[in-house]
Amino acid sequence: MRLTEQRTFAGWPRLTIAGFALASMLLVLLSLSIAVARAAPRGGRLAADTFDEELVLHDLTAQESSGQRAVAAKFHFTLTHNHFANEDDDASQAGAKLNQMRYESDTATSTSTQRSSQGEAASSDALLPSRSSDSEAESAELVDDYSAFPRVVGQIAHTLGVQSLRLGFTQGRWQFDNWGLEANHSPLFAPSAELQASFYVSANLSTPQQDSIVNQRWAYLRNALAGLLCASLNSIDESITHTPAVLSHASTKFGQDIRTLRGVLSHETVCTENLTPWRKLLPCRSQASLASLISGIPVVDTLYTSISVELSTACLNTACTQRRLTLEQTLLAVIDPSRSKLFALSNASNIRACPAARSSIVSSTFNVSGASFLAKAFQERIVVNANAWVSLPVPIRTQRFLRGSVNSPGHLVTQLSNLDSAPLSVLYQDVVPWFLPLYSYGLEVTTYSVNGMANLTALVQKSIRPSKLRGRPTVIELSLVLPANSTTIISVPCDRAFLHFTEYPADASRGFDIGPATIFFRAASSSAPIRQMHTNALLVSLPIPDFSMPYNVVCMTSTVIALAFSSIFNATTRQMGLKSPKVKKGAAATPSLGKAAPEPPEASQTG
């Protein structure tokens, strides 16, 4: 009987182990089937995510007039992500449902904003699309499978209704005179931190409601990107934010208006703190792929450095139920090989390909056999391709400066020189903060030809939006036609505001930064693409009070109060009177005045 009980008891562990093994196998098969189902295209549609990377090397020494060795290295990473409509919904119904959800969300946002302006409390969640609308839209309209594309970027774009986004951190100035302009590269960013975003807004709302919604989404976008890329983008306030006139009311055919905002933070520079989170957006980060070549510390020891993130959306069908997100990350650096070590040469021989990369290309416009630093870094991977970098000459020379002293009115002057033999169509855009007020009535545009004759016909159209005190900046947009071989001077009277003492920074004597002006130009041919360049930034000195005066006032008043208080205190509390001297024991008393001294006692006689 005992032996039977032992056999029955010993069989239970075996059955338990077999059951666990069978359950584990079922779970593994279920997980594999789910993964395959997610990775497989739905209904013959496109794949979810793609990732391509490219490194282009170009020698700028031939265009460098000073003879300094300069090599341009451009790391370009492209990620795409496709949003698919739910198979159970019709395309037109899904698009109509999405537009209705956006309209209801925007209406609720504008209503809550108006109530909060009237003194009623409103939740901060009302500034964004409601959570119920997001969940319904995500479950009913979009199916997102993020594999290589960063999920955080997709969530920001979907939640805030971002149509396009351009963010760049730049250190140094691109030398257009010596380096030209790359034909295959996107427009260069201003030498600072530049952020430009376009938002989808319902066309059924009024203009004030659209402005309120866009401003709230702009604030959320700045804070999100500031935390994502470890930058001070939340400092882009109303005083340096503007709406470009040429992009303010561009509409689409899907019942949505596109509103664009742009801000430039002039004192922000490139740092390794920006490079590290920038590389974390890549699928393999810095563990593999071409990003492992970038050395973080020497990235700022270059002639020019630009780190950018560009996001764009495109509709794949007429109802816009299938959309494609494209994220382009670019690192453009101009290095001096004799002193800069941008590439991590210690890891160059152990470069691993990123498993998520569809293509990985390293190309150069010159033979790197004589360049030891390149040959050591890339060995046999590099491919010579003369068309990888096409430099175009820039026919415009720019110069921007400020006339006048600190305590007197002056002029903001910009000089544009057309060195081409054909006229150029130019759009000049300048954004000036409120502390440098401009007087638009004195705007002068004068064009001088080669023989020095003045011509006032260069200005075609102008748009000026004046600033508000401690508010929006002044925005000047001029449409010009620069004659061949001419020089155009744009002059605007300006003044320097006297700030409140709390508005001065800690280094007030250094001056205040004003971002560069942007110039869009196109050659005489209407089919030529629009190019973009920037002028130099300005460092303006404003009237500065004597910050040591409070210290002097405190010292002087403290001294006066101490002397006055001590004198009054002594005069009111001290008692005046004669004080009798104390006689020490055993000492003869000093006779007082007016009294005879006592006679000494007679000595006693002893018998």
Foldseek 3Di string as FASTA:
>chain_A
DVVVVVVVVVVVVVVVVVVVVVVVVVVVVVVVVVVVVLQDDPPPDDGFKAKAKEKEKEWLQVLAPVNFTKIKIKIKMKMKGKWAFDPVDDLQVLLVLLLVQQQVLLVQLLVQVVCVVVPDDDDLCSLWRDPVSVVCNCVHQTDGDDDFFDVLVVVLCVGQQWAKKKWKAKAAFDDLNRRFDWPPDDADDFNGIKIKTKHWHAPVDDPVSVVSSVVSSVLVVQVSVCVQQVWVSNPFDQQFKDWDPVQAFDCDPSRITIGMMMGGDHPHHDALSRVQSLQVSGRCRLPAAPNVFFDRPLQVVFNMWMWMKMWHKDAPDDSSSMMMIMIMIMIITMHRVVPTRRTPLVCQVVHHHDPSHPYHAYEYQDDCPVPVSVCSRHPPRYHYDNPPTDGDRDQKDKAWDWDDDQQDKTKTKMKIWGAAQAKKKKKKKFWWGPQKFWDVVPKAKWKAAPVGDIDRPFWDDKDWDGADVVGHTIIIITIGIHGHGMMMMIMIIIHGHDDDPVPADPPLVFADKGTWMKMWMDTPDPPGDIHIGTYDIDGHHHDDDDPCVVVVVVVVVVVVVVVVVVVVVCVVPDDDDDDDDDDDPPDDDDDDPPDDDDDDDDDDDDD
